[in-house]
């Protein structure tokens, strides 16, 4: 009888101690979401790390938010909160049917910044992402943003045209688009 009572008491103590430790532990993710819904049935993958002044990073084409892997670590160590957003159609973000243009990307960024309650952020973009962030600050009058950074910025056009002999030819652009439909890698 003593053995049964002792076993019951031991089991009860173990269960109670597990509940005590489980309740006092801080969640590792600090309650931050990995996916943010920007419109019905469309979620973007977001990396949200660190504390402090926010830095929001937008990737280039055809990359995703993982392109900033080393920058995340560096910025967090320097005391920043760093947020990487994979635009729709890229990385782990949803790929809904519909438009994939600078207006749509800007709208998505605005929703993410609002849902994360981001203010006075530095917004940075690489390559195509630089064009996206320029469009965002123009469309939304720099809402949520205090600084802008562009890396490997894209020009106003990547195609040659009259008076602008730089970039890819019209045929080269058509070939590239065709290649993305048949041999994307």
N, C-alpha and C. Protein backbone atom coordinates (compact mmCIF):
# COMPACT_ATOMS: atom_id res chain seq x y z
N UNK A 1 0.82 -1.20 0.00
CA UNK A 1 0.00 0.00 0.00
C UNK A 1 0.87 1.26 0.00
N UNK A 2 1.98 1.21 0.81
CA UNK A 2 2.88 2.37 0.83
C UNK A 2 3.50 2.59 -0.54
N UNK A 3 3.83 1.54 -1.24
CA UNK A 3 4.46 1.64 -2.56
C UNK A 3 3.50 2.29 -3.56
N UNK A 4 2.22 1.89 -3.52
CA UNK A 4 1.22 2.46 -4.41
C UNK A 4 1.04 3.95 -4.11
N UNK A 5 0.93 4.29 -2.82
CA UNK A 5 0.77 5.70 -2.43
C UNK A 5 1.98 6.51 -2.84
N UNK A 6 3.18 5.94 -2.65
CA UNK A 6 4.41 6.63 -3.02
C UNK A 6 4.47 6.85 -4.53
N UNK A 7 4.10 5.85 -5.31
CA UNK A 7 4.12 5.94 -6.77
C UNK A 7 3.15 7.00 -7.26
N UNK A 8 1.95 7.02 -6.68
CA UNK A 8 0.95 8.03 -7.05
C UNK A 8 1.46 9.43 -6.71
N UNK A 9 2.03 9.59 -5.54
CA UNK A 9 2.57 10.89 -5.13
C UNK A 9 3.70 11.33 -6.06
N UNK A 10 4.56 10.41 -6.45
CA UNK A 10 5.68 10.72 -7.34
C UNK A 10 5.18 11.14 -8.72
N UNK A 11 4.24 10.40 -9.26
CA UNK A 11 3.67 10.74 -10.57
C UNK A 11 2.99 12.11 -10.50
N UNK A 12 2.22 12.35 -9.46
CA UNK A 12 1.54 13.63 -9.28
C UNK A 12 2.56 14.77 -9.22
N UNK A 13 3.64 14.59 -8.48
CA UNK A 13 4.69 15.61 -8.35
C UNK A 13 5.35 15.88 -9.70
N UNK A 14 5.64 14.83 -10.45
CA UNK A 14 6.26 15.01 -11.77
C UNK A 14 5.34 15.77 -12.72
N UNK A 15 4.07 15.41 -12.74
CA UNK A 15 3.11 16.10 -13.60
C UNK A 15 3.01 17.57 -13.20
N UNK A 16 2.92 17.84 -11.93
CA UNK A 16 2.80 19.21 -11.44
C UNK A 16 4.04 20.03 -11.78
N UNK A 17 5.23 19.45 -11.63
CA UNK A 17 6.46 20.18 -11.93
C UNK A 17 6.57 20.46 -13.42
N UNK A 18 6.13 19.53 -14.27
CA UNK A 18 6.14 19.75 -15.72
C UNK A 18 5.22 20.91 -16.08
N UNK A 19 4.06 20.97 -15.46
CA UNK A 19 3.11 22.05 -15.73
C UNK A 19 3.69 23.38 -15.26
N UNK A 20 4.36 23.39 -14.15
CA UNK A 20 4.95 24.62 -13.62
C UNK A 20 6.03 25.14 -14.55
N UNK A 21 6.93 24.26 -15.01
CA UNK A 21 8.00 24.69 -15.90
C UNK A 21 7.46 25.09 -17.27
N UNK A 22 6.50 24.36 -17.77
CA UNK A 22 5.93 24.67 -19.08
C UNK A 22 5.25 26.03 -19.07
N UNK A 23 4.61 26.41 -17.99
CA UNK A 23 3.91 27.68 -17.92
C UNK A 23 4.86 28.86 -17.75
N UNK A 24 6.03 28.64 -17.17
CA UNK A 24 6.93 29.76 -16.91
C UNK A 24 7.90 30.02 -18.05
N UNK A 25 8.00 29.12 -19.02
CA UNK A 25 8.94 29.29 -20.12
C UNK A 25 8.40 30.30 -21.12
N UNK A 26 9.28 31.22 -21.57
CA UNK A 26 8.89 32.17 -22.61
C UNK A 26 8.87 31.45 -23.95
N UNK A 27 7.87 31.70 -24.78
CA UNK A 27 7.85 31.08 -26.10
C UNK A 27 9.06 31.53 -26.92
N UNK A 28 9.68 30.62 -27.63
CA UNK A 28 10.88 30.94 -28.41
C UNK A 28 10.59 31.92 -29.53
N UNK A 29 9.38 31.91 -30.09
CA UNK A 29 9.06 32.75 -31.23
C UNK A 29 8.54 34.13 -30.83
N UNK A 30 8.40 34.40 -29.55
CA UNK A 30 7.88 35.67 -29.07
C UNK A 30 6.53 36.02 -29.69
N UNK A 31 5.78 35.02 -30.12
CA UNK A 31 4.45 35.24 -30.67
C UNK A 31 4.44 35.81 -32.07
N UNK A 32 5.58 35.80 -32.76
CA UNK A 32 5.65 36.36 -34.11
C UNK A 32 5.22 35.31 -35.13
N UNK A 33 4.47 35.78 -36.10
CA UNK A 33 3.94 34.89 -37.12
C UNK A 33 4.96 34.67 -38.24
N UNK A 34 4.99 33.48 -38.80
CA UNK A 34 5.85 33.19 -39.94
C UNK A 34 5.15 33.53 -41.25
N UNK A 35 3.82 33.52 -41.23
CA UNK A 35 3.03 33.86 -42.41
C UNK A 35 2.03 34.95 -42.04
N UNK A 36 1.89 35.93 -42.93
CA UNK A 36 0.93 37.01 -42.70
C UNK A 36 -0.02 37.05 -43.89
N UNK A 37 -1.32 37.01 -43.57
CA UNK A 37 -2.34 37.05 -44.61
C UNK A 37 -2.51 38.50 -45.08
N UNK A 38 -2.27 38.74 -46.38
CA UNK A 38 -2.36 40.09 -46.93
C UNK A 38 -3.68 40.33 -47.64
N UNK A 39 -4.33 39.27 -48.03
CA UNK A 39 -5.70 39.32 -48.54
C UNK A 39 -6.26 37.93 -48.37
N UNK A 40 -7.55 37.79 -48.53
CA UNK A 40 -8.18 36.49 -48.29
C UNK A 40 -7.47 35.40 -49.10
N UNK A 41 -7.02 34.37 -48.38
CA UNK A 41 -6.35 33.21 -48.95
C UNK A 41 -4.99 33.50 -49.59
N UNK A 42 -4.35 34.61 -49.21
CA UNK A 42 -3.01 34.92 -49.70
C UNK A 42 -2.13 35.27 -48.51
N UNK A 43 -1.16 34.39 -48.24
CA UNK A 43 -0.23 34.60 -47.13
C UNK A 43 1.18 34.77 -47.66
N UNK A 44 1.90 35.72 -47.04
CA UNK A 44 3.30 35.93 -47.38
C UNK A 44 4.18 35.35 -46.28
N UNK A 45 5.30 34.78 -46.67
CA UNK A 45 6.27 34.28 -45.70
C UNK A 45 7.10 35.47 -45.21
N UNK A 46 7.22 35.58 -43.89
CA UNK A 46 7.92 36.70 -43.27
C UNK A 46 8.92 36.17 -42.25
N UNK A 47 10.14 36.67 -42.33
CA UNK A 47 11.14 36.40 -41.30
C UNK A 47 11.18 37.65 -40.43
N UNK A 48 10.98 37.50 -39.12
CA UNK A 48 10.90 38.62 -38.19
C UNK A 48 11.76 38.30 -36.98
N UNK A 49 12.92 38.93 -36.89
CA UNK A 49 13.90 38.61 -35.86
C UNK A 49 14.37 39.86 -35.13
N UNK A 50 14.77 39.69 -33.89
CA UNK A 50 15.42 40.76 -33.14
C UNK A 50 14.47 41.78 -32.56
N UNK A 51 15.09 42.76 -31.91
CA UNK A 51 14.37 43.85 -31.26
C UNK A 51 15.03 45.16 -31.69
N UNK A 52 14.32 46.26 -31.54
CA UNK A 52 14.92 47.56 -31.83
C UNK A 52 14.33 48.19 -33.08
N UNK A 53 15.07 49.16 -33.62
CA UNK A 53 14.66 49.89 -34.82
C UNK A 53 14.45 48.89 -35.97
N UNK A 54 13.27 48.92 -36.63
CA UNK A 54 13.00 47.93 -37.67
C UNK A 54 13.70 48.23 -38.99
N UNK A 55 14.19 47.16 -39.61
CA UNK A 55 14.74 47.18 -40.96
C UNK A 55 13.94 46.15 -41.74
N UNK A 56 13.31 46.59 -42.83
CA UNK A 56 12.48 45.71 -43.65
C UNK A 56 13.19 45.51 -44.99
N UNK A 57 13.39 44.25 -45.38
CA UNK A 57 14.14 43.93 -46.59
C UNK A 57 13.28 43.21 -47.61
N UNK A 58 13.38 43.69 -48.87
CA UNK A 58 12.64 43.11 -49.99
C UNK A 58 13.65 42.54 -50.98
N UNK A 59 13.45 41.31 -51.36
CA UNK A 59 14.37 40.58 -52.23
C UNK A 59 14.24 40.99 -53.69
N UNK A 60 15.18 40.50 -54.49
CA UNK A 60 15.14 40.69 -55.93
C UNK A 60 14.54 39.49 -56.63
N UNK A 61 14.38 39.61 -57.94
CA UNK A 61 13.85 38.53 -58.77
C UNK A 61 14.98 37.61 -59.15
N UNK A 62 14.87 36.33 -59.14
CA UNK A 62 13.77 35.46 -58.74
C UNK A 62 13.98 34.90 -57.34
N UNK A 63 14.52 35.69 -56.44
CA UNK A 63 14.91 35.23 -55.10
C UNK A 63 13.76 35.31 -54.12
N UNK A 64 14.06 35.22 -52.82
CA UNK A 64 13.06 35.36 -51.76
C UNK A 64 13.76 35.89 -50.52
N UNK A 65 13.04 35.97 -49.41
CA UNK A 65 13.60 36.59 -48.21
C UNK A 65 14.82 35.86 -47.65
N UNK A 66 15.05 34.63 -48.06
CA UNK A 66 16.22 33.90 -47.59
C UNK A 66 17.53 34.45 -48.16
N UNK A 67 17.45 35.32 -49.19
CA UNK A 67 18.67 35.89 -49.75
C UNK A 67 19.41 36.76 -48.74
N UNK A 68 18.70 37.21 -47.70
CA UNK A 68 19.30 38.08 -46.68
C UNK A 68 19.76 37.31 -45.45
N UNK A 69 19.96 36.02 -45.57
CA UNK A 69 20.32 35.16 -44.45
C UNK A 69 21.44 35.74 -43.58
N UNK A 70 22.51 36.20 -44.19
CA UNK A 70 23.64 36.71 -43.41
C UNK A 70 23.37 38.11 -42.87
N UNK A 71 22.61 38.91 -43.59
CA UNK A 71 22.27 40.24 -43.13
C UNK A 71 21.36 40.19 -41.89
N UNK A 72 20.46 39.20 -41.83
CA UNK A 72 19.60 39.06 -40.66
C UNK A 72 20.44 38.93 -39.40
N UNK A 73 21.37 38.02 -39.44
CA UNK A 73 22.22 37.77 -38.27
C UNK A 73 22.99 39.02 -37.89
N UNK A 74 23.59 39.68 -38.84
CA UNK A 74 24.39 40.88 -38.58
C UNK A 74 23.53 41.98 -37.96
N UNK A 75 22.37 42.24 -38.56
CA UNK A 75 21.50 43.32 -38.08
C UNK A 75 20.95 43.04 -36.68
N UNK A 76 20.57 41.80 -36.41
CA UNK A 76 20.08 41.44 -35.08
C UNK A 76 21.19 41.66 -34.05
N UNK A 77 22.41 41.23 -34.37
CA UNK A 77 23.53 41.43 -33.46
C UNK A 77 23.81 42.91 -33.19
N UNK A 78 23.46 43.78 -34.16
CA UNK A 78 23.66 45.23 -34.00
C UNK A 78 22.48 45.90 -33.31
N UNK A 79 21.48 45.12 -32.88
CA UNK A 79 20.37 45.67 -32.12
C UNK A 79 19.16 46.09 -32.91
N UNK A 80 19.02 45.60 -34.14
CA UNK A 80 17.87 45.94 -34.97
C UNK A 80 16.84 44.82 -34.97
N UNK A 81 15.61 45.18 -35.24
CA UNK A 81 14.58 44.20 -35.57
C UNK A 81 14.60 44.12 -37.09
N UNK A 82 14.77 42.95 -37.63
CA UNK A 82 14.88 42.80 -39.08
C UNK A 82 13.74 41.92 -39.58
N UNK A 83 13.10 42.40 -40.65
CA UNK A 83 11.94 41.73 -41.21
C UNK A 83 12.20 41.51 -42.70
N UNK A 84 12.17 40.27 -43.12
CA UNK A 84 12.30 39.94 -44.53
C UNK A 84 10.97 39.44 -45.04
N UNK A 85 10.52 40.01 -46.15
CA UNK A 85 9.24 39.63 -46.72
C UNK A 85 9.48 38.94 -48.06
N UNK A 86 8.98 37.72 -48.23
CA UNK A 86 8.96 37.09 -49.55
C UNK A 86 7.70 37.56 -50.25
N UNK A 87 7.88 38.25 -51.36
CA UNK A 87 6.73 38.74 -52.11
C UNK A 87 5.90 37.57 -52.63
N UNK A 88 4.63 37.82 -52.91
CA UNK A 88 3.77 36.76 -53.45
C UNK A 88 4.40 36.18 -54.70
N UNK A 89 4.31 34.85 -54.80
CA UNK A 89 4.87 34.17 -55.94
C UNK A 89 6.33 33.76 -55.76
N UNK A 90 6.93 34.14 -54.65
CA UNK A 90 8.35 33.84 -54.41
C UNK A 90 8.52 33.08 -53.10
N UNK A 91 9.56 32.24 -53.05
CA UNK A 91 9.89 31.53 -51.82
C UNK A 91 8.72 30.73 -51.28
N UNK A 92 8.49 30.87 -49.97
CA UNK A 92 7.43 30.12 -49.29
C UNK A 92 6.09 30.87 -49.28
N UNK A 93 6.03 32.03 -49.94
CA UNK A 93 4.77 32.78 -50.00
C UNK A 93 3.81 32.12 -50.98
N UNK A 94 2.53 32.43 -50.80
CA UNK A 94 1.51 31.89 -51.69
C UNK A 94 1.70 32.41 -53.11
N UNK A 95 1.16 31.66 -54.06
CA UNK A 95 1.26 31.98 -55.48
C UNK A 95 -0.16 32.03 -56.08
N UNK A 96 -0.95 33.00 -55.69
CA UNK A 96 -2.33 33.03 -56.18
C UNK A 96 -2.40 33.45 -57.65
N UNK A 97 -3.49 33.11 -58.27
CA UNK A 97 -3.75 33.59 -59.62
C UNK A 97 -4.02 35.09 -59.53
N UNK A 98 -3.55 35.85 -60.49
CA UNK A 98 -3.82 37.29 -60.51
C UNK A 98 -2.58 38.09 -60.84
N UNK A 99 -2.63 39.37 -60.52
CA UNK A 99 -1.56 40.29 -60.88
C UNK A 99 -0.35 40.14 -59.98
N UNK A 100 0.81 40.28 -60.60
CA UNK A 100 2.09 40.32 -59.91
C UNK A 100 2.80 41.57 -60.41
N UNK A 101 2.38 42.71 -59.90
CA UNK A 101 2.96 43.97 -60.36
C UNK A 101 3.36 44.83 -59.16
N UNK A 102 3.97 45.97 -59.42
CA UNK A 102 4.48 46.81 -58.34
C UNK A 102 3.36 47.31 -57.43
N UNK A 103 2.18 47.57 -57.98
CA UNK A 103 1.05 47.99 -57.13
C UNK A 103 0.68 46.89 -56.15
N UNK A 104 0.57 45.66 -56.64
CA UNK A 104 0.20 44.53 -55.79
C UNK A 104 1.26 44.28 -54.73
N UNK A 105 2.53 44.27 -55.13
CA UNK A 105 3.61 44.07 -54.17
C UNK A 105 3.61 45.17 -53.10
N UNK A 106 3.39 46.42 -53.52
CA UNK A 106 3.35 47.54 -52.57
C UNK A 106 2.18 47.39 -51.60
N UNK A 107 1.02 46.99 -52.12
CA UNK A 107 -0.14 46.78 -51.26
C UNK A 107 0.16 45.70 -50.21
N UNK A 108 0.82 44.64 -50.65
CA UNK A 108 1.16 43.55 -49.73
C UNK A 108 2.12 44.03 -48.64
N UNK A 109 3.12 44.80 -49.01
CA UNK A 109 4.07 45.33 -48.03
C UNK A 109 3.35 46.20 -47.01
N UNK A 110 2.43 47.03 -47.49
CA UNK A 110 1.68 47.91 -46.59
C UNK A 110 0.90 47.10 -45.56
N UNK A 111 0.25 46.03 -45.99
CA UNK A 111 -0.52 45.19 -45.07
C UNK A 111 0.42 44.56 -44.03
N UNK A 112 1.55 44.04 -44.47
CA UNK A 112 2.50 43.42 -43.53
C UNK A 112 2.96 44.45 -42.50
N UNK A 113 3.34 45.64 -42.94
CA UNK A 113 3.81 46.67 -42.01
C UNK A 113 2.71 47.07 -41.02
N UNK A 114 1.48 47.15 -41.49
CA UNK A 114 0.37 47.50 -40.60
C UNK A 114 0.11 46.39 -39.59
N UNK A 115 0.08 45.15 -40.05
CA UNK A 115 -0.20 44.04 -39.14
C UNK A 115 0.91 43.85 -38.09
N UNK A 116 2.15 44.17 -38.47
CA UNK A 116 3.26 44.07 -37.52
C UNK A 116 3.43 45.35 -36.70
N UNK A 117 2.59 46.36 -36.99
CA UNK A 117 2.65 47.65 -36.28
C UNK A 117 4.05 48.27 -36.38
N UNK A 118 4.59 48.28 -37.59
CA UNK A 118 5.92 48.82 -37.84
C UNK A 118 5.82 50.32 -38.12
N UNK A 119 6.68 51.08 -37.46
CA UNK A 119 6.78 52.52 -37.68
C UNK A 119 8.25 52.91 -37.78
N UNK A 120 8.52 53.96 -38.54
CA UNK A 120 9.87 54.52 -38.67
C UNK A 120 10.91 53.49 -39.07
N UNK A 121 10.56 52.62 -39.98
CA UNK A 121 11.46 51.57 -40.43
C UNK A 121 12.38 52.06 -41.53
N UNK A 122 13.48 51.37 -41.68
CA UNK A 122 14.31 51.49 -42.87
C UNK A 122 13.83 50.41 -43.82
N UNK A 123 13.46 50.81 -45.03
CA UNK A 123 12.98 49.86 -46.04
C UNK A 123 14.05 49.72 -47.10
N UNK A 124 14.49 48.48 -47.32
CA UNK A 124 15.54 48.23 -48.30
C UNK A 124 15.10 47.23 -49.34
N UNK A 125 15.60 47.41 -50.56
CA UNK A 125 15.27 46.48 -51.62
C UNK A 125 16.46 46.25 -52.52
N UNK A 126 16.59 45.01 -52.99
CA UNK A 126 17.66 44.62 -53.90
C UNK A 126 17.10 44.37 -55.29
N UNK A 127 17.77 44.91 -56.32
CA UNK A 127 17.42 44.67 -57.71
C UNK A 127 15.94 44.97 -57.96
N UNK A 128 15.13 43.98 -58.37
CA UNK A 128 13.70 44.22 -58.56
C UNK A 128 13.07 44.75 -57.28
N UNK A 129 13.56 44.28 -56.13
CA UNK A 129 13.06 44.76 -54.84
C UNK A 129 13.28 46.25 -54.66
N UNK A 130 14.33 46.80 -55.28
CA UNK A 130 14.56 48.25 -55.17
C UNK A 130 13.46 49.00 -55.91
N UNK A 131 13.05 48.49 -57.06
CA UNK A 131 11.95 49.12 -57.79
C UNK A 131 10.65 49.01 -57.00
N UNK A 132 10.45 47.86 -56.33
CA UNK A 132 9.25 47.66 -55.53
C UNK A 132 9.22 48.67 -54.37
N UNK A 133 10.34 48.84 -53.65
CA UNK A 133 10.32 49.75 -52.50
C UNK A 133 10.19 51.20 -52.94
N UNK A 134 10.76 51.56 -54.09
CA UNK A 134 10.57 52.92 -54.62
C UNK A 134 9.10 53.15 -54.94
N UNK A 135 8.46 52.15 -55.54
CA UNK A 135 7.04 52.25 -55.84
C UNK A 135 6.22 52.37 -54.55
N UNK A 136 6.59 51.59 -53.54
CA UNK A 136 5.89 51.63 -52.26
C UNK A 136 5.93 53.03 -51.65
N UNK A 137 7.12 53.62 -51.53
CA UNK A 137 7.21 54.94 -50.87
C UNK A 137 6.50 56.02 -51.68
N UNK A 138 6.46 55.84 -53.00
CA UNK A 138 5.73 56.80 -53.84
C UNK A 138 4.22 56.62 -53.67
N UNK A 139 3.77 55.39 -53.74
CA UNK A 139 2.33 55.10 -53.66
C UNK A 139 1.75 55.44 -52.28
N UNK A 140 2.49 55.14 -51.22
CA UNK A 140 1.97 55.31 -49.87
C UNK A 140 2.64 56.45 -49.10
N UNK A 141 3.28 57.36 -49.82
CA UNK A 141 3.88 58.54 -49.20
C UNK A 141 4.75 58.16 -47.99
N UNK A 142 5.54 57.12 -48.17
CA UNK A 142 6.50 56.64 -47.15
C UNK A 142 5.84 56.19 -45.85
N UNK A 143 4.60 55.74 -45.91
CA UNK A 143 3.91 55.27 -44.70
C UNK A 143 4.75 54.19 -44.01
N UNK A 144 4.94 54.32 -42.72
CA UNK A 144 5.67 53.38 -41.87
C UNK A 144 7.19 53.44 -42.07
N UNK A 145 7.66 54.28 -42.97
CA UNK A 145 9.07 54.28 -43.38
C UNK A 145 9.71 55.64 -43.05
N UNK A 146 10.93 55.58 -42.49
CA UNK A 146 11.69 56.82 -42.26
C UNK A 146 12.93 56.90 -43.13
N UNK A 147 13.41 55.75 -43.62
CA UNK A 147 14.61 55.72 -44.46
C UNK A 147 14.41 54.69 -45.55
N UNK A 148 15.09 54.93 -46.68
CA UNK A 148 14.99 54.03 -47.81
C UNK A 148 16.41 53.67 -48.26
N UNK A 149 16.63 52.39 -48.56
CA UNK A 149 17.92 51.93 -49.07
C UNK A 149 17.68 51.03 -50.28
N UNK A 150 18.45 51.24 -51.33
CA UNK A 150 18.35 50.38 -52.50
C UNK A 150 19.73 49.78 -52.78
N UNK A 151 19.75 48.49 -53.08
CA UNK A 151 21.00 47.77 -53.33
C UNK A 151 20.94 47.16 -54.72
N UNK A 152 21.95 47.42 -55.53
CA UNK A 152 21.93 46.89 -56.90
C UNK A 152 20.66 47.32 -57.59
N UNK A 153 20.34 48.60 -57.46
CA UNK A 153 19.05 49.12 -57.91
C UNK A 153 18.83 48.92 -59.40
N UNK A 154 17.60 48.60 -59.74
CA UNK A 154 17.23 48.49 -61.14
C UNK A 154 16.92 49.88 -61.67
N UNK A 155 17.19 50.07 -62.95
CA UNK A 155 16.90 51.36 -63.57
C UNK A 155 15.43 51.50 -63.88
N UNK A 156 15.08 52.63 -64.45
CA UNK A 156 13.67 52.84 -64.80
C UNK A 156 13.20 51.85 -65.86
N UNK A 157 14.14 51.28 -66.61
CA UNK A 157 13.78 50.29 -67.61
C UNK A 157 14.95 49.33 -67.78
N UNK A 158 14.65 48.07 -67.97
CA UNK A 158 15.70 47.10 -68.22
C UNK A 158 15.73 46.70 -69.69
N UNK A 159 14.88 47.36 -70.51
CA UNK A 159 14.84 47.08 -71.94
C UNK A 159 15.34 48.29 -72.74
N UNK A 160 15.99 48.01 -73.84
CA UNK A 160 16.42 49.06 -74.75
C UNK A 160 15.18 49.66 -75.43
N UNK A 161 15.26 50.95 -75.71
CA UNK A 161 14.19 51.62 -76.45
C UNK A 161 14.78 52.88 -77.08
N UNK A 162 14.00 53.57 -77.82
CA UNK A 162 14.49 54.78 -78.48
C UNK A 162 15.00 55.77 -77.44
N UNK A 163 16.24 56.20 -77.62
CA UNK A 163 16.84 57.15 -76.68
C UNK A 163 17.43 56.50 -75.43
N UNK A 164 17.30 55.19 -75.32
CA UNK A 164 17.83 54.46 -74.16
C UNK A 164 18.44 53.15 -74.66
N UNK A 165 19.75 53.19 -75.04
CA UNK A 165 20.39 52.03 -75.66
C UNK A 165 20.87 50.97 -74.67
N UNK A 166 20.53 51.10 -73.40
CA UNK A 166 21.04 50.20 -72.36
C UNK A 166 20.05 49.06 -72.12
N UNK A 167 20.58 47.97 -71.56
CA UNK A 167 19.72 46.86 -71.17
C UNK A 167 19.53 45.84 -72.26
N UNK A 168 18.45 45.09 -72.15
CA UNK A 168 18.17 43.96 -73.02
C UNK A 168 17.31 44.42 -74.21
N UNK A 169 17.47 43.74 -75.35
CA UNK A 169 16.66 44.07 -76.52
C UNK A 169 15.23 43.57 -76.33
N UNK A 170 14.35 44.04 -77.18
CA UNK A 170 12.95 43.58 -77.13
C UNK A 170 12.89 42.07 -77.35
N UNK A 171 13.65 41.56 -78.32
CA UNK A 171 13.66 40.12 -78.58
C UNK A 171 14.25 39.37 -77.39
N UNK A 172 15.29 39.93 -76.80
CA UNK A 172 15.91 39.31 -75.62
C UNK A 172 14.91 39.20 -74.47
N UNK A 173 14.08 40.25 -74.29
CA UNK A 173 13.06 40.23 -73.24
C UNK A 173 12.02 39.15 -73.52
N UNK A 174 11.59 39.05 -74.79
CA UNK A 174 10.61 38.01 -75.15
C UNK A 174 11.18 36.63 -74.92
N UNK A 175 12.46 36.44 -75.28
CA UNK A 175 13.11 35.14 -75.08
C UNK A 175 13.20 34.79 -73.59
N UNK A 176 13.52 35.78 -72.77
CA UNK A 176 13.62 35.56 -71.33
C UNK A 176 12.27 35.17 -70.74
N UNK A 177 11.22 35.85 -71.16
CA UNK A 177 9.87 35.52 -70.68
C UNK A 177 9.49 34.11 -71.12
N UNK A 178 9.80 33.77 -72.38
CA UNK A 178 9.51 32.43 -72.88
C UNK A 178 10.28 31.38 -72.06
N UNK A 179 11.53 31.70 -71.76
CA UNK A 179 12.36 30.76 -71.00
C UNK A 179 11.81 30.52 -69.59
N UNK A 180 11.23 31.54 -68.98
CA UNK A 180 10.67 31.36 -67.63
C UNK A 180 9.45 30.45 -67.65
N UNK A 181 8.83 30.32 -68.80
CA UNK A 181 7.66 29.44 -68.92
C UNK A 181 8.03 28.01 -69.28
N UNK A 182 9.25 27.82 -69.84
CA UNK A 182 9.64 26.48 -70.27
C UNK A 182 10.84 25.91 -69.54
N UNK A 183 11.71 26.77 -69.00
CA UNK A 183 12.91 26.32 -68.33
C UNK A 183 13.29 27.35 -67.27
N UNK A 184 12.44 27.50 -66.26
CA UNK A 184 12.58 28.56 -65.27
C UNK A 184 13.95 28.54 -64.58
N UNK A 185 14.48 27.38 -64.23
CA UNK A 185 15.76 27.31 -63.53
C UNK A 185 16.85 27.90 -64.39
